N, C-alpha and C. Protein backbone atom coordinates (compact mmCIF):
# COMPACT_ATOMS: atom_id res chain seq x y z
N MET A 1 99.58 43.66 14.29
CA MET A 1 100.90 45.22 13.48
C MET A 1 101.44 45.21 12.47
N ALA A 2 101.67 46.13 11.97
CA ALA A 2 101.92 46.36 10.19
C ALA A 2 103.53 46.11 10.07
N SER A 3 103.79 45.38 9.29
CA SER A 3 105.11 45.13 9.48
C SER A 3 105.57 46.98 8.93
N LEU A 4 106.96 46.62 9.35
CA LEU A 4 107.57 48.16 9.58
C LEU A 4 108.39 48.67 8.10
N ALA A 5 108.28 47.30 7.58
CA ALA A 5 108.48 47.86 5.83
C ALA A 5 107.40 47.88 5.08
N ALA A 6 105.85 47.66 5.70
CA ALA A 6 105.02 47.54 4.59
C ALA A 6 104.28 49.34 4.38
N GLN A 7 104.13 49.21 3.08
CA GLN A 7 103.82 50.96 2.80
C GLN A 7 102.48 50.40 2.93
N ILE A 8 101.44 49.64 2.49
CA ILE A 8 100.42 48.95 1.98
C ILE A 8 100.18 47.66 2.88
N GLN A 9 98.90 47.53 3.42
CA GLN A 9 98.69 46.28 4.21
C GLN A 9 97.31 45.98 3.90
N PHE A 10 96.79 44.60 3.99
CA PHE A 10 95.51 44.21 4.02
C PHE A 10 95.86 42.99 5.18
N GLN A 11 94.91 43.19 6.13
CA GLN A 11 95.35 41.99 7.58
C GLN A 11 93.17 41.51 7.31
N GLN A 12 93.16 40.04 6.88
CA GLN A 12 92.10 39.88 6.82
C GLN A 12 90.94 40.44 6.45
N ILE A 13 91.07 40.70 5.11
CA ILE A 13 90.01 42.08 5.15
C ILE A 13 89.11 40.78 4.28
N VAL A 14 87.98 41.16 4.59
CA VAL A 14 86.53 40.58 4.24
C VAL A 14 85.46 42.22 3.29
N LYS A 15 85.31 41.79 2.21
CA LYS A 15 84.22 42.53 1.48
C LYS A 15 83.07 41.53 0.73
N SER A 16 82.10 42.02 0.75
CA SER A 16 80.77 41.80 -0.41
C SER A 16 80.12 42.92 -0.49
N TYR A 17 79.21 42.70 -1.41
CA TYR A 17 78.26 43.69 -1.86
C TYR A 17 76.75 42.68 -1.69
N GLN A 18 76.42 43.23 -1.33
CA GLN A 18 74.73 42.75 -1.27
C GLN A 18 74.39 41.08 -1.19
N LYS A 19 75.08 40.95 -0.06
CA LYS A 19 74.74 39.70 -0.29
C LYS A 19 75.06 38.41 -1.08
N LYS A 20 75.99 39.07 -2.38
CA LYS A 20 76.74 37.91 -3.21
C LYS A 20 77.86 37.88 -2.51
N GLN A 21 78.50 36.70 -3.52
CA GLN A 21 79.71 35.80 -3.34
C GLN A 21 80.60 37.14 -2.56
N PRO A 22 81.97 36.88 -1.54
CA PRO A 22 82.60 38.22 -1.34
C PRO A 22 83.41 38.26 -2.45
N VAL A 23 83.77 39.26 -2.57
CA VAL A 23 84.79 39.97 -3.35
C VAL A 23 86.32 39.64 -2.70
N PHE A 24 86.75 39.66 -1.25
CA PHE A 24 87.90 39.31 -0.87
C PHE A 24 87.03 38.45 0.71
N HIS A 25 87.82 37.40 1.03
CA HIS A 25 87.40 36.80 2.05
C HIS A 25 88.79 36.43 3.12
N GLN A 26 89.01 36.84 4.41
CA GLN A 26 89.99 36.77 4.98
C GLN A 26 91.09 37.19 3.79
N ALA A 27 91.78 38.33 3.32
CA ALA A 27 92.18 38.51 1.84
C ALA A 27 93.77 39.57 2.78
N ASN A 28 94.85 38.95 2.52
CA ASN A 28 96.19 39.05 3.13
C ASN A 28 97.17 40.04 1.38
N LEU A 29 97.62 41.23 2.36
CA LEU A 29 98.22 41.92 1.39
C LEU A 29 99.37 42.96 1.91
N GLU A 30 100.47 42.79 1.25
CA GLU A 30 101.93 43.42 1.90
C GLU A 30 102.60 44.44 0.80
N VAL A 31 103.02 45.06 0.24
CA VAL A 31 103.18 46.35 -0.34
C VAL A 31 104.70 47.17 0.30
N ARG A 32 105.66 47.19 0.14
CA ARG A 32 106.42 47.99 0.33
C ARG A 32 106.72 49.25 -0.52
N SER A 33 107.44 50.46 0.22
CA SER A 33 106.97 51.26 -0.04
C SER A 33 108.25 51.57 -1.48
N GLY A 34 107.75 52.13 -2.89
CA GLY A 34 108.97 52.38 -4.16
C GLY A 34 108.83 50.81 -4.41
N GLU A 35 107.89 49.50 -4.36
CA GLU A 35 107.78 48.73 -4.94
C GLU A 35 106.71 48.96 -6.58
N PHE A 36 107.39 48.39 -7.57
CA PHE A 36 106.51 48.39 -8.74
C PHE A 36 105.77 47.22 -8.56
N LEU A 37 104.62 46.82 -8.71
CA LEU A 37 103.87 45.06 -9.19
C LEU A 37 102.82 45.29 -9.99
N TYR A 38 102.36 44.18 -9.98
CA TYR A 38 101.17 44.11 -10.87
C TYR A 38 100.55 43.06 -10.39
N LEU A 39 98.76 43.71 -10.85
CA LEU A 39 98.21 43.41 -9.86
C LEU A 39 97.07 42.86 -10.97
N THR A 40 96.72 41.36 -11.10
CA THR A 40 95.74 40.67 -12.19
C THR A 40 94.67 39.80 -11.39
N GLY A 41 93.92 39.38 -12.39
CA GLY A 41 92.57 38.90 -12.61
C GLY A 41 91.29 39.14 -13.16
N ALA A 42 90.59 38.27 -13.07
CA ALA A 42 89.51 37.80 -14.10
C ALA A 42 88.14 39.32 -13.87
N SER A 43 87.85 40.00 -15.08
CA SER A 43 86.88 41.08 -14.84
C SER A 43 85.76 40.45 -13.58
N GLY A 44 86.11 41.81 -13.07
CA GLY A 44 85.05 42.00 -11.31
C GLY A 44 85.80 41.07 -10.20
N SER A 45 86.74 40.70 -10.45
CA SER A 45 87.37 39.54 -9.48
C SER A 45 87.66 40.67 -8.10
N GLY A 46 88.07 41.90 -8.14
CA GLY A 46 88.07 43.05 -6.94
C GLY A 46 89.03 43.68 -7.21
N LYS A 47 90.05 43.99 -8.50
CA LYS A 47 91.17 44.84 -8.59
C LYS A 47 90.67 46.66 -8.39
N THR A 48 89.79 47.00 -9.07
CA THR A 48 88.99 48.74 -8.67
C THR A 48 88.05 48.36 -6.85
N THR A 49 88.11 47.51 -6.56
CA THR A 49 87.77 47.40 -4.82
C THR A 49 88.82 47.39 -4.30
N LEU A 50 89.79 47.15 -4.41
CA LEU A 50 91.31 46.76 -3.82
C LEU A 50 92.07 48.21 -3.69
N PHE A 51 91.73 49.22 -5.04
CA PHE A 51 92.03 50.40 -4.99
C PHE A 51 91.41 51.04 -4.04
N ARG A 52 89.65 51.10 -4.12
CA ARG A 52 88.84 51.77 -3.77
C ARG A 52 89.37 51.49 -1.65
N LEU A 53 89.52 50.62 -1.73
CA LEU A 53 89.88 50.11 0.17
C LEU A 53 90.62 51.16 0.08
N LEU A 54 92.03 50.84 -0.55
CA LEU A 54 93.14 51.79 0.32
C LEU A 54 92.96 53.30 -0.26
N MET A 55 92.45 53.47 -0.68
CA MET A 55 92.20 55.06 -0.67
C MET A 55 91.06 55.61 0.49
N GLY A 56 90.57 54.68 0.92
CA GLY A 56 89.21 54.72 1.75
C GLY A 56 87.85 55.22 1.41
N ALA A 57 87.85 54.87 -0.14
CA ALA A 57 86.48 55.73 -0.99
C ALA A 57 85.59 54.11 -0.39
N GLU A 58 85.77 53.49 0.42
CA GLU A 58 84.71 52.03 1.11
C GLU A 58 86.10 51.34 2.02
N ALA A 59 84.85 50.66 2.89
CA ALA A 59 85.55 50.34 4.18
C ALA A 59 85.52 48.47 4.07
N PRO A 60 85.98 48.14 4.19
CA PRO A 60 86.17 46.66 4.95
C PRO A 60 84.61 46.25 5.64
N ASP A 61 84.35 44.90 5.00
CA ASP A 61 82.83 44.32 5.95
C ASP A 61 83.92 43.88 7.63
N SER A 62 84.92 43.77 7.17
CA SER A 62 86.18 43.29 8.42
C SER A 62 87.86 43.20 7.95
N GLY A 63 88.23 43.57 9.07
CA GLY A 63 89.72 43.52 8.55
C GLY A 63 90.16 44.76 9.17
N GLN A 64 91.47 45.06 8.23
CA GLN A 64 92.26 46.44 8.32
C GLN A 64 92.73 46.65 7.44
N VAL A 65 92.82 47.71 7.17
CA VAL A 65 93.61 48.28 5.85
C VAL A 65 94.37 49.17 6.57
N ASN A 66 95.87 48.95 6.13
CA ASN A 66 96.44 49.70 6.67
C ASN A 66 97.98 50.63 6.01
N PHE A 67 97.84 52.19 5.53
CA PHE A 67 98.70 52.72 4.76
C PHE A 67 99.41 53.52 6.01
N ALA A 68 100.79 53.29 5.24
CA ALA A 68 101.66 53.99 6.18
C ALA A 68 101.56 53.59 7.14
N GLY A 69 101.08 53.16 7.96
CA GLY A 69 101.06 52.57 9.28
C GLY A 69 99.95 53.16 9.75
N LYS A 70 98.64 53.67 9.36
CA LYS A 70 97.88 53.95 9.93
C LYS A 70 96.23 52.76 9.38
N ASN A 71 95.66 52.91 10.28
CA ASN A 71 94.35 51.85 10.07
C ASN A 71 93.51 53.14 9.33
N VAL A 72 93.26 52.90 7.64
CA VAL A 72 92.41 53.72 7.11
C VAL A 72 91.06 54.37 7.35
N ALA A 73 90.54 52.86 8.08
CA ALA A 73 89.38 52.85 8.55
C ALA A 73 88.95 54.72 9.29
N SER A 74 90.09 54.28 10.57
CA SER A 74 90.16 54.85 11.42
C SER A 74 90.46 56.45 10.95
N LEU A 75 90.81 56.53 9.84
CA LEU A 75 91.47 58.21 9.60
C LEU A 75 90.21 59.08 10.36
N LYS A 76 90.45 60.25 10.84
CA LYS A 76 89.88 61.30 11.29
C LYS A 76 89.06 62.28 9.55
N LEU A 77 87.78 62.89 9.61
CA LEU A 77 87.45 63.40 8.73
C LEU A 77 88.44 64.32 7.71
N ARG A 78 89.18 65.50 8.95
CA ARG A 78 90.46 66.15 8.27
C ARG A 78 91.40 65.44 8.02
N GLU A 79 92.02 64.14 8.27
CA GLU A 79 92.27 63.79 7.43
C GLU A 79 92.96 62.76 6.14
N ARG A 80 91.51 62.85 6.11
CA ARG A 80 91.31 62.02 4.58
C ARG A 80 91.59 62.38 3.70
N PRO A 81 91.37 64.43 3.04
CA PRO A 81 92.19 64.60 2.21
C PRO A 81 93.73 64.36 1.74
N TYR A 82 94.49 63.99 3.17
CA TYR A 82 95.26 64.17 3.17
C TYR A 82 96.03 63.05 2.72
N HIS A 83 94.82 61.71 2.93
CA HIS A 83 95.44 61.03 2.51
C HIS A 83 95.02 60.60 1.24
N LEU A 84 94.16 60.91 0.93
CA LEU A 84 93.81 60.91 -0.80
C LEU A 84 95.30 61.10 -1.66
N ARG A 85 95.59 62.61 -1.01
CA ARG A 85 96.87 62.65 -1.56
C ARG A 85 98.05 62.68 -1.53
N SER A 86 98.47 61.00 -0.96
CA SER A 86 98.84 59.89 -1.08
C SER A 86 99.19 59.10 -2.09
N PHE A 87 97.72 59.63 -3.28
CA PHE A 87 98.08 58.36 -4.33
C PHE A 87 97.99 59.48 -5.47
N GLY A 88 98.02 59.15 -6.64
CA GLY A 88 97.41 59.72 -7.92
C GLY A 88 96.73 58.13 -8.46
N VAL A 89 95.88 58.66 -8.92
CA VAL A 89 94.76 57.24 -9.87
C VAL A 89 95.06 57.66 -12.06
N VAL A 90 94.90 56.49 -12.45
CA VAL A 90 95.48 56.40 -13.90
C VAL A 90 94.14 55.50 -14.11
N PHE A 91 93.00 56.12 -14.63
CA PHE A 91 91.72 55.14 -15.11
C PHE A 91 91.71 54.86 -16.11
N GLN A 92 91.35 53.70 -16.50
CA GLN A 92 91.36 53.09 -17.96
C GLN A 92 90.71 53.98 -18.85
N ASP A 93 89.82 54.90 -18.47
CA ASP A 93 89.19 55.97 -19.71
C ASP A 93 89.58 57.14 -19.17
N TYR A 94 90.75 57.49 -19.00
CA TYR A 94 91.39 58.62 -18.80
C TYR A 94 90.99 59.57 -17.86
N LYS A 95 89.47 60.03 -18.39
CA LYS A 95 88.80 60.73 -17.55
C LYS A 95 89.48 61.92 -17.68
N LEU A 96 89.75 62.35 -18.92
CA LEU A 96 90.42 64.53 -19.20
C LEU A 96 88.92 65.02 -19.93
N LEU A 97 89.18 66.11 -19.61
CA LEU A 97 88.71 67.45 -19.93
C LEU A 97 88.77 67.46 -21.78
N PRO A 98 87.83 67.10 -22.13
CA PRO A 98 88.47 66.99 -23.90
C PRO A 98 89.19 68.45 -24.37
N HIS A 99 88.25 69.30 -23.82
CA HIS A 99 88.09 70.36 -24.96
C HIS A 99 89.02 71.54 -24.11
N LYS A 100 89.74 71.23 -23.13
CA LYS A 100 91.21 71.83 -22.35
C LYS A 100 92.04 70.85 -22.51
N THR A 101 93.23 72.08 -22.44
CA THR A 101 94.94 71.80 -23.04
C THR A 101 95.56 70.49 -22.43
N ALA A 102 96.68 69.89 -22.70
CA ALA A 102 97.17 68.91 -21.55
C ALA A 102 97.38 69.44 -20.80
N LYS A 103 98.00 70.93 -20.79
CA LYS A 103 98.91 71.10 -19.49
C LYS A 103 97.52 71.59 -18.22
N ASP A 104 96.41 72.13 -19.13
CA ASP A 104 95.04 72.26 -18.26
C ASP A 104 94.59 71.12 -17.09
N ASN A 105 94.60 69.90 -18.07
CA ASN A 105 94.65 69.07 -17.43
C ASN A 105 95.48 68.13 -16.40
N ILE A 106 96.64 68.58 -16.72
CA ILE A 106 97.82 68.33 -15.75
C ILE A 106 97.49 69.20 -14.44
N SER A 107 97.53 70.25 -15.06
CA SER A 107 97.32 71.60 -13.60
C SER A 107 96.47 71.30 -12.49
N ILE A 108 95.50 70.03 -12.49
CA ILE A 108 93.72 70.27 -12.44
C ILE A 108 94.72 69.92 -10.82
N PRO A 109 95.15 68.82 -10.28
CA PRO A 109 95.72 68.35 -8.81
C PRO A 109 96.22 69.40 -8.25
N LEU A 110 97.38 70.01 -8.90
CA LEU A 110 97.65 71.46 -8.08
C LEU A 110 96.72 72.37 -7.56
N LEU A 111 95.95 72.57 -8.61
CA LEU A 111 95.07 74.21 -8.53
C LEU A 111 94.21 73.51 -7.04
N ILE A 112 93.29 72.16 -7.45
CA ILE A 112 92.62 71.62 -6.17
C ILE A 112 93.44 72.12 -5.06
N LYS A 113 94.87 71.58 -4.70
CA LYS A 113 95.85 71.81 -3.85
C LYS A 113 95.48 73.81 -2.89
N GLY A 114 95.62 74.25 -3.80
CA GLY A 114 95.40 75.60 -3.91
C GLY A 114 96.80 76.30 -4.04
N GLU A 115 97.47 75.54 -5.25
CA GLU A 115 98.76 76.38 -5.17
C GLU A 115 99.12 77.01 -6.07
N PRO A 116 99.50 78.48 -6.22
CA PRO A 116 100.07 79.59 -6.79
C PRO A 116 99.44 79.05 -8.57
N LEU A 117 99.68 80.04 -9.01
CA LEU A 117 99.51 79.51 -10.69
C LEU A 117 100.74 79.38 -11.39
N ASP A 118 101.31 80.43 -11.09
CA ASP A 118 102.81 80.70 -11.83
C ASP A 118 103.33 78.90 -11.05
N GLU A 119 103.38 78.62 -9.92
CA GLU A 119 104.33 77.00 -9.46
C GLU A 119 103.59 76.17 -10.21
N VAL A 120 102.26 76.50 -9.98
CA VAL A 120 101.66 75.47 -10.81
C VAL A 120 101.96 74.80 -12.54
N SER A 121 102.08 76.22 -12.82
CA SER A 121 102.23 76.04 -14.34
C SER A 121 103.83 75.88 -13.97
N GLN A 122 104.91 76.08 -13.48
CA GLN A 122 106.24 75.65 -13.86
C GLN A 122 106.47 74.03 -13.68
N LYS A 123 105.66 73.67 -12.49
CA LYS A 123 105.83 72.43 -11.95
C LYS A 123 105.35 71.25 -13.16
N VAL A 124 104.03 71.92 -13.87
CA VAL A 124 103.70 71.47 -15.04
C VAL A 124 104.88 71.51 -16.42
N ASP A 125 105.55 72.16 -16.60
CA ASP A 125 106.77 72.26 -17.54
C ASP A 125 108.06 71.21 -17.08
N ASP A 126 108.23 71.92 -16.12
CA ASP A 126 109.57 70.45 -15.61
C ASP A 126 109.20 68.85 -15.42
N LEU A 127 107.35 68.63 -15.29
CA LEU A 127 107.37 67.18 -15.62
C LEU A 127 107.28 66.65 -16.88
N ALA A 128 106.50 67.75 -17.79
CA ALA A 128 106.87 67.67 -19.11
C ALA A 128 108.39 67.27 -19.95
N ALA A 129 109.29 68.35 -19.40
CA ALA A 129 110.52 68.14 -19.86
C ALA A 129 110.92 66.77 -19.20
N ARG A 130 110.74 66.33 -18.23
CA ARG A 130 111.29 64.95 -17.88
C ARG A 130 110.41 63.74 -18.43
N LEU A 131 109.70 63.65 -18.83
CA LEU A 131 108.98 62.42 -19.58
C LEU A 131 108.67 63.12 -20.80
N GLY A 132 109.12 63.95 -20.91
CA GLY A 132 109.37 63.85 -22.86
C GLY A 132 108.18 64.67 -23.42
N PHE A 133 106.63 65.06 -23.33
CA PHE A 133 105.98 65.69 -23.86
C PHE A 133 105.74 66.41 -23.65
N THR A 134 107.00 67.76 -23.53
CA THR A 134 106.49 69.11 -23.57
C THR A 134 105.81 69.70 -24.98
N HIS A 135 106.09 68.78 -26.33
CA HIS A 135 105.27 69.20 -27.23
C HIS A 135 103.81 69.06 -27.35
N LEU A 136 103.66 68.66 -26.59
CA LEU A 136 101.86 68.59 -26.47
C LEU A 136 101.09 69.01 -25.27
N LEU A 137 101.87 70.21 -24.70
CA LEU A 137 101.03 70.92 -23.31
C LEU A 137 100.40 71.52 -23.95
N SER A 138 100.26 72.21 -25.38
CA SER A 138 99.50 73.55 -25.35
C SER A 138 98.05 72.70 -26.75
N SER A 139 98.20 71.39 -26.54
CA SER A 139 97.95 70.66 -27.42
C SER A 139 96.22 70.80 -26.94
N LYS A 140 94.75 70.22 -27.32
CA LYS A 140 93.73 70.13 -26.76
C LYS A 140 93.66 68.95 -27.02
N VAL A 141 92.97 68.27 -25.55
CA VAL A 141 93.09 66.55 -25.41
C VAL A 141 92.37 66.20 -26.67
N ALA A 142 91.40 66.35 -26.95
CA ALA A 142 90.47 65.43 -28.10
C ALA A 142 91.54 65.93 -29.32
N SER A 143 92.59 66.64 -29.90
CA SER A 143 93.19 66.33 -30.75
C SER A 143 94.51 64.82 -30.38
N LEU A 144 94.49 64.65 -29.41
CA LEU A 144 95.99 63.89 -29.33
C LEU A 144 95.20 62.22 -28.95
N SER A 145 96.21 61.31 -29.59
CA SER A 145 95.77 59.95 -29.66
C SER A 145 95.66 58.97 -28.75
N GLY A 146 95.35 58.15 -28.20
CA GLY A 146 95.23 57.11 -27.37
C GLY A 146 96.07 57.16 -26.33
N GLY A 147 97.74 57.12 -27.48
CA GLY A 147 98.54 56.84 -26.66
C GLY A 147 98.70 57.90 -26.02
N GLU A 148 98.32 59.72 -26.42
CA GLU A 148 99.29 60.50 -26.27
C GLU A 148 98.09 61.09 -24.52
N GLN A 149 96.74 60.82 -25.03
CA GLN A 149 95.92 61.32 -23.61
C GLN A 149 96.08 60.51 -22.34
N GLN A 150 96.90 58.55 -22.61
CA GLN A 150 96.93 58.38 -21.96
C GLN A 150 98.06 59.01 -20.66
N LEU A 151 99.34 59.12 -21.72
CA LEU A 151 100.60 60.01 -21.05
C LEU A 151 99.86 60.98 -19.97
N ILE A 152 99.26 62.12 -20.80
CA ILE A 152 99.00 63.03 -20.24
C ILE A 152 97.89 62.68 -18.43
N ALA A 153 97.19 61.71 -18.58
CA ALA A 153 96.46 61.01 -18.06
C ALA A 153 97.68 60.69 -16.32
N ILE A 154 98.66 59.96 -17.34
CA ILE A 154 99.80 59.56 -16.19
C ILE A 154 100.36 60.56 -15.27
N ALA A 155 100.71 61.71 -16.29
CA ALA A 155 101.26 63.12 -15.91
C ALA A 155 100.22 63.48 -14.37
N ARG A 156 98.80 63.59 -15.36
CA ARG A 156 97.86 64.33 -14.16
C ARG A 156 98.23 63.47 -12.75
N ALA A 157 98.37 62.04 -12.68
CA ALA A 157 98.28 61.56 -11.30
C ALA A 157 99.42 61.83 -10.49
N TYR A 158 100.46 62.08 -11.76
CA TYR A 158 102.07 62.22 -10.76
C TYR A 158 102.32 63.23 -10.53
N VAL A 159 101.57 64.24 -10.47
CA VAL A 159 102.54 65.92 -11.05
C VAL A 159 102.54 65.98 -9.33
N HIS A 160 101.47 66.04 -8.85
CA HIS A 160 101.70 66.21 -7.23
C HIS A 160 102.42 65.21 -6.32
N ASN A 161 103.44 64.36 -6.92
CA ASN A 161 104.48 63.66 -6.46
C ASN A 161 103.89 62.73 -5.33
N PRO A 162 102.39 62.05 -5.65
CA PRO A 162 102.02 61.11 -4.62
C PRO A 162 103.18 60.15 -4.22
N ALA A 163 102.79 59.30 -3.18
CA ALA A 163 103.37 58.48 -2.62
C ALA A 163 103.25 57.01 -3.61
N VAL A 164 102.14 56.67 -4.09
CA VAL A 164 101.76 56.00 -4.75
C VAL A 164 100.83 55.98 -5.83
N ILE A 165 101.17 55.43 -6.89
CA ILE A 165 100.55 55.77 -8.35
C ILE A 165 100.03 54.12 -8.64
N LEU A 166 98.02 54.60 -8.85
CA LEU A 166 97.20 53.33 -8.90
C LEU A 166 97.34 53.31 -10.24
N ALA A 167 97.66 52.23 -11.10
CA ALA A 167 97.19 52.62 -12.65
C ALA A 167 95.92 51.29 -13.14
N ASP A 168 94.92 51.80 -13.31
CA ASP A 168 93.72 50.87 -13.40
C ASP A 168 93.48 50.18 -14.89
N GLU A 169 94.25 49.69 -15.65
CA GLU A 169 94.03 48.75 -17.21
C GLU A 169 95.09 49.73 -18.11
N PRO A 170 95.55 50.32 -17.79
CA PRO A 170 96.21 51.78 -18.45
C PRO A 170 96.80 51.55 -20.12
N THR A 171 97.14 49.94 -20.08
CA THR A 171 97.33 49.62 -21.61
C THR A 171 95.97 49.23 -21.94
N ALA A 172 94.90 49.08 -21.29
CA ALA A 172 93.85 47.90 -22.35
C ALA A 172 93.11 48.59 -23.61
N ASN A 173 93.14 49.85 -24.02
CA ASN A 173 92.65 50.27 -24.91
C ASN A 173 93.68 50.76 -26.37
N LEU A 174 95.23 50.32 -25.80
CA LEU A 174 96.64 50.55 -26.59
C LEU A 174 97.01 49.33 -27.41
N ASP A 175 97.93 50.21 -28.69
CA ASP A 175 98.78 48.96 -29.39
C ASP A 175 99.83 48.21 -28.79
N ASN A 176 100.40 47.31 -29.12
CA ASN A 176 101.44 47.29 -28.24
C ASN A 176 102.54 47.93 -28.16
N GLN A 177 102.91 48.68 -29.19
CA GLN A 177 104.24 49.57 -29.44
C GLN A 177 103.78 50.52 -27.77
N THR A 178 102.22 51.00 -27.70
CA THR A 178 102.34 52.56 -27.51
C THR A 178 101.96 52.22 -25.88
N ALA A 179 101.54 50.73 -25.35
CA ALA A 179 101.38 49.81 -24.37
C ALA A 179 102.85 49.80 -23.63
N GLU A 180 103.88 49.57 -24.88
CA GLU A 180 105.23 49.24 -24.00
C GLU A 180 105.75 50.99 -23.42
N ASN A 181 105.29 51.81 -24.66
CA ASN A 181 105.80 53.41 -24.16
C ASN A 181 105.27 53.69 -22.77
N THR A 182 103.60 53.11 -22.46
CA THR A 182 103.08 53.48 -21.44
C THR A 182 103.87 52.85 -20.07
N LEU A 183 104.40 52.05 -20.27
CA LEU A 183 104.96 50.75 -19.54
C LEU A 183 105.95 51.46 -18.78
N ASP A 184 106.90 52.10 -20.03
CA ASP A 184 108.52 52.48 -19.78
C ASP A 184 108.07 54.07 -18.91
N ILE A 185 106.80 54.66 -19.30
CA ILE A 185 106.69 55.73 -18.44
C ILE A 185 106.37 55.32 -16.95
N LEU A 186 105.83 54.17 -16.37
CA LEU A 186 105.38 54.32 -15.14
C LEU A 186 106.48 53.49 -14.74
N ARG A 187 107.23 53.11 -15.58
CA ARG A 187 108.98 52.28 -14.86
C ARG A 187 109.67 53.61 -14.23
N LYS A 188 109.51 54.72 -15.31
CA LYS A 188 110.34 55.97 -14.84
C LYS A 188 110.03 56.30 -13.73
N ILE A 189 108.86 56.51 -13.83
CA ILE A 189 108.32 57.06 -12.30
C ILE A 189 108.17 56.25 -10.72
N ASN A 190 108.25 54.87 -11.06
CA ASN A 190 108.86 54.27 -9.80
C ASN A 190 110.17 53.94 -9.96
N GLN A 191 111.01 54.43 -10.68
CA GLN A 191 112.69 54.71 -10.52
C GLN A 191 112.78 55.83 -9.41
N GLY A 192 111.79 56.32 -9.78
CA GLY A 192 112.14 57.98 -8.77
C GLY A 192 111.46 57.68 -7.40
N GLY A 193 111.07 56.30 -7.06
CA GLY A 193 111.10 55.66 -5.76
C GLY A 193 109.15 56.21 -5.38
N THR A 194 108.26 56.45 -6.40
CA THR A 194 107.01 56.17 -6.11
C THR A 194 107.08 54.25 -6.15
N THR A 195 106.04 54.18 -5.43
CA THR A 195 105.03 53.16 -5.76
C THR A 195 104.18 52.92 -7.09
N VAL A 196 104.22 51.71 -7.61
CA VAL A 196 103.33 51.63 -8.56
C VAL A 196 102.85 50.31 -8.69
N VAL A 197 101.55 50.43 -9.17
CA VAL A 197 100.42 49.37 -9.02
C VAL A 197 99.59 49.10 -10.32
N LEU A 198 100.13 47.94 -10.96
CA LEU A 198 99.58 48.59 -12.15
C LEU A 198 98.41 46.98 -12.49
N ALA A 199 97.59 47.87 -12.59
CA ALA A 199 95.87 46.37 -12.64
C ALA A 199 96.09 46.14 -13.96
N THR A 200 96.17 44.85 -14.68
CA THR A 200 96.06 44.59 -15.99
C THR A 200 95.80 43.14 -16.06
N HIS A 201 95.36 43.46 -17.38
CA HIS A 201 95.06 42.08 -17.93
C HIS A 201 95.86 41.01 -18.68
N ASN A 202 96.54 42.22 -19.29
CA ASN A 202 97.44 41.58 -20.29
C ASN A 202 99.19 40.77 -19.89
N LEU A 203 98.99 39.70 -19.64
CA LEU A 203 99.75 38.84 -19.42
C LEU A 203 100.83 38.88 -20.61
N ASP A 204 100.71 39.03 -21.26
CA ASP A 204 102.27 39.22 -22.52
C ASP A 204 102.95 40.27 -21.72
N LEU A 205 102.43 41.04 -21.49
CA LEU A 205 103.73 42.48 -21.11
C LEU A 205 103.75 41.80 -20.04
N ILE A 206 103.33 41.25 -18.74
CA ILE A 206 103.80 40.88 -17.56
C ILE A 206 104.79 39.83 -18.16
N LYS A 207 105.03 39.29 -18.71
CA LYS A 207 105.82 37.93 -19.45
C LYS A 207 106.76 38.56 -19.75
N ARG A 208 106.90 40.22 -20.61
CA ARG A 208 107.65 40.65 -21.45
C ARG A 208 108.76 41.34 -20.73
N HIS A 209 107.85 42.16 -19.31
CA HIS A 209 108.59 43.09 -18.33
C HIS A 209 108.36 42.32 -17.46
N PRO A 210 108.82 41.31 -16.17
CA PRO A 210 108.63 40.61 -15.20
C PRO A 210 108.62 41.68 -14.34
N ALA A 211 108.13 41.65 -12.88
CA ALA A 211 107.59 41.90 -12.18
C ALA A 211 106.81 41.21 -10.78
N ARG A 212 106.82 41.63 -9.78
CA ARG A 212 106.00 40.85 -8.32
C ARG A 212 104.65 40.75 -9.21
N THR A 213 103.84 39.86 -9.29
CA THR A 213 102.43 39.68 -9.31
C THR A 213 101.73 38.71 -8.83
N LEU A 214 100.38 40.25 -8.02
CA LEU A 214 99.54 39.51 -7.21
C LEU A 214 98.08 38.87 -8.53
N LEU A 215 97.49 37.51 -7.96
CA LEU A 215 96.36 37.45 -8.85
C LEU A 215 95.13 37.32 -7.63
N ILE A 216 93.96 38.26 -7.84
CA ILE A 216 93.22 38.11 -7.64
C ILE A 216 92.49 36.65 -7.83
N ARG A 217 91.86 35.76 -6.88
CA ARG A 217 91.03 34.67 -7.14
C ARG A 217 90.85 34.29 -6.08
N GLN A 218 89.20 33.51 -6.41
CA GLN A 218 88.53 33.17 -5.22
C GLN A 218 88.52 33.90 -4.29
N ALA A 219 88.59 35.24 -4.25
CA ALA A 219 88.12 36.16 -3.23
C ALA A 219 89.59 36.12 -2.35
N LYS A 220 91.12 35.81 -2.66
CA LYS A 220 91.97 35.83 -2.03
C LYS A 220 93.13 36.79 -2.99
N ILE A 221 94.21 37.75 -1.98
CA ILE A 221 95.06 38.31 -2.98
C ILE A 221 96.21 36.97 -3.21
N LEU A 222 96.72 36.21 -4.23
CA LEU A 222 97.32 35.36 -4.17
C LEU A 222 99.11 35.63 -4.89
N GLU A 223 99.87 35.52 -4.69
CA GLU A 223 101.44 35.96 -5.00
C GLU A 223 101.54 34.80 -5.76
N VAL A 224 102.09 35.13 -7.01
CA VAL A 224 101.98 34.69 -8.32
C VAL A 224 103.84 34.50 -9.27
N ASN A 225 104.38 35.75 -8.76
CA ASN A 225 105.58 35.92 -9.09
C ASN A 225 106.11 36.78 -8.10
N ARG A 226 107.53 36.93 -7.77
CA ARG A 226 108.14 37.60 -6.82
C ARG A 226 109.44 37.73 -6.92
């Protein structure tokens, strides 16, 4: 039974691919609503798999993934789109449309939901003002720096007010100062009540800005700093 305080819970998760060594073997995890935490581990250790299990893009071989008190694997087909809307995903390679404006890119999740165009425009403008990038909205993404593109990617993930932001190596291709700025934005989002799970190899960043840290190693999810 899921802890009443747990927003995310993995219970005895086993997951492997094509008879290879398991990515997870009886792995456990609990995350409370509104937490900020780092997720680290060697390349291929399972960080992306953890995200996919949580969103329901993959199912565990055994064990149970719970989100907001519900077993993700047991969600009905009509419930899955609503489950996915609980998450905003920040990809390492941004996955932006380069020849569209920043505003066009940020608007995509709201347009997919079918929100009216005037409301979409207002929400994007409000978010840009809050996070301090109004001056970028009319720029084509291809003309922006890497740090600016990452900011637009974060805004796109956040614009529909998800319960959880899953950030997959968001500082990997950035210089130190830009990485710090990216972390500041994610911290600001977290302070508004959104859970943030930041997958990263950047141990220096973790040392400079400590928070709860989980390590995936030998198919387990280990608590290394709380």
